[in-house]
Amino acid sequence: MSDQPERKQINFTIVPDEKPGEPRTYANFCSIAHTPFDFTLTFCEVMPLSEKELRDAENQHLVKAPVRARVVVPVQFLPNLVTALQEHMRVFSETYSNVGWTKEPVH
């Protein structure tokens, strides 16, 4: 007999523990970076640019956007995230295909 304790497998579902009134964070841009161990998703909010910001962007080829959230996830997490996003995008596209939604960038 093994000295290892017997492992019992338990199946469960993880759900967000949301509190009423918790604020949501809006982002319309995501920058992605990675290391050998994890991926960093940096979510920003890009607002319409003023005339001055447009001139600066034209000269510097750079627009700074405020960071709204930065999420670091392990590499092993990514395949499931990609699959879930693809499935949700498929359902979204089928559901809202007749309302004029396009795949063009929002900014």
Protein backbone atom coordinates (compact mmCIF):
# COMPACT_ATOMS: atom_id res chain seq x y z
CA MET A 1 0.00 0.00 0.00
CA SER A 2 1.16 3.54 -0.75
CA ASP A 3 1.98 6.07 1.95
CA GLN A 4 0.21 8.71 -0.13
CA PRO A 5 -3.25 9.70 1.11
CA GLU A 6 -6.08 8.80 -1.24
CA ARG A 7 -7.11 11.77 -3.36
CA LYS A 8 -10.76 12.40 -3.90
CA GLN A 9 -11.78 14.25 -7.06
CA ILE A 10 -14.43 16.90 -6.61
CA ASN A 11 -16.16 18.58 -9.55
CA PHE A 12 -17.25 22.17 -9.06
CA THR A 13 -17.99 25.37 -10.95
CA ILE A 14 -16.38 28.69 -10.06
CA VAL A 15 -18.61 31.76 -10.37
CA PRO A 16 -17.87 35.43 -9.65
CA ASP A 17 -18.95 36.55 -6.18
CA GLU A 18 -20.38 39.87 -7.30
CA LYS A 19 -21.66 42.39 -4.80
CA PRO A 20 -24.59 44.68 -5.68
CA GLY A 21 -23.39 48.11 -6.76
CA GLU A 22 -19.80 47.07 -7.50
CA PRO A 23 -18.48 49.40 -10.19
CA ARG A 24 -17.57 48.14 -13.64
CA THR A 25 -14.45 49.30 -15.43
CA TYR A 26 -14.72 50.28 -19.10
CA ALA A 27 -11.83 49.69 -21.50
CA ASN A 28 -11.73 49.83 -25.30
CA PHE A 29 -8.07 48.96 -25.84
CA CYS A 30 -5.94 46.05 -24.63
CA SER A 31 -2.18 45.81 -24.80
CA ILE A 32 -0.71 42.32 -24.41
CA ALA A 33 2.78 41.35 -23.23
CA HIS A 34 4.22 38.04 -22.10
CA THR A 35 7.09 36.37 -20.32
CA PRO A 36 7.91 32.65 -20.42
CA PHE A 37 5.58 32.27 -17.42
CA ASP A 38 2.60 34.61 -17.84
CA PHE A 39 0.65 37.01 -20.03
CA THR A 40 -0.11 40.59 -18.98
CA LEU A 41 -3.29 42.14 -20.34
CA THR A 42 -3.31 45.92 -19.87
CA PHE A 43 -6.74 47.45 -20.44
CA CYS A 44 -6.94 51.16 -21.31
CA GLU A 45 -9.64 53.67 -22.15
CA VAL A 46 -9.04 55.58 -25.37
CA MET A 47 -11.17 58.71 -25.66
CA PRO A 48 -11.61 60.90 -28.74
CA LEU A 49 -8.56 63.11 -29.16
CA SER A 50 -8.56 66.89 -29.00
CA GLU A 51 -7.06 68.92 -31.86
CA LYS A 52 -3.85 69.35 -29.86
CA GLU A 53 -3.68 65.62 -29.04
CA LEU A 54 -4.20 64.83 -32.73
CA ARG A 55 -1.31 67.13 -33.71
CA ASP A 56 0.90 65.60 -31.00
CA ALA A 57 -0.02 62.09 -32.16
CA GLU A 58 0.78 63.02 -35.74
CA ASN A 59 4.23 64.31 -34.70
CA GLN A 60 5.12 61.70 -32.09
CA HIS A 61 3.20 58.73 -33.50
CA LEU A 62 2.13 58.02 -29.94
CA VAL A 63 -1.07 58.36 -27.92
CA LYS A 64 -1.02 57.65 -24.19
CA ALA A 65 -4.17 56.08 -22.79
CA PRO A 66 -5.05 55.78 -19.10
CA VAL A 67 -4.68 52.26 -17.71
CA ARG A 68 -7.96 51.00 -16.25
CA ALA A 69 -6.82 47.49 -15.24
CA ARG A 70 -3.79 45.24 -15.56
CA VAL A 71 -4.34 41.50 -15.33
CA VAL A 72 -1.53 38.96 -15.19
CA VAL A 73 -2.49 35.36 -15.97
CA PRO A 74 -0.40 32.18 -16.14
CA VAL A 75 0.37 30.79 -19.58
CA GLN A 76 -1.67 27.66 -18.77
CA PHE A 77 -4.77 29.86 -18.38
CA LEU A 78 -4.62 31.25 -21.94
CA PRO A 79 -5.94 28.32 -24.02
CA ASN A 80 -9.18 28.21 -22.01
CA LEU A 81 -9.51 32.00 -22.17
CA VAL A 82 -9.05 32.02 -25.95
CA THR A 83 -11.58 29.19 -26.37
CA ALA A 84 -14.13 30.97 -24.16
CA LEU A 85 -13.69 34.26 -26.03
CA GLN A 86 -14.08 32.52 -29.39
CA GLU A 87 -17.27 30.78 -28.24
CA HIS A 88 -18.75 33.98 -26.85
CA MET A 89 -17.81 35.83 -30.06
CA ARG A 90 -19.51 33.12 -32.13
CA VAL A 91 -22.72 33.36 -30.09
CA PHE A 92 -22.58 37.17 -30.10
CA SER A 93 -22.13 37.26 -33.89
CA GLU A 94 -25.04 34.88 -34.44
CA THR A 95 -27.26 36.80 -32.03
CA TYR A 96 -26.50 40.34 -33.21
CA SER A 97 -25.64 39.78 -36.88
CA ASN A 98 -28.64 41.85 -38.02
CA VAL A 99 -28.02 45.01 -35.98
CA GLY A 100 -25.21 46.47 -38.07
CA TRP A 101 -22.31 45.36 -35.89
CA THR A 102 -19.00 45.35 -37.75
CA LYS A 103 -15.60 43.87 -36.98
CA GLU A 104 -13.93 47.24 -37.55
CA PRO A 105 -11.82 48.66 -34.69
CA VAL A 106 -13.62 51.12 -32.44
CA HIS A 107 -10.74 53.59 -32.48
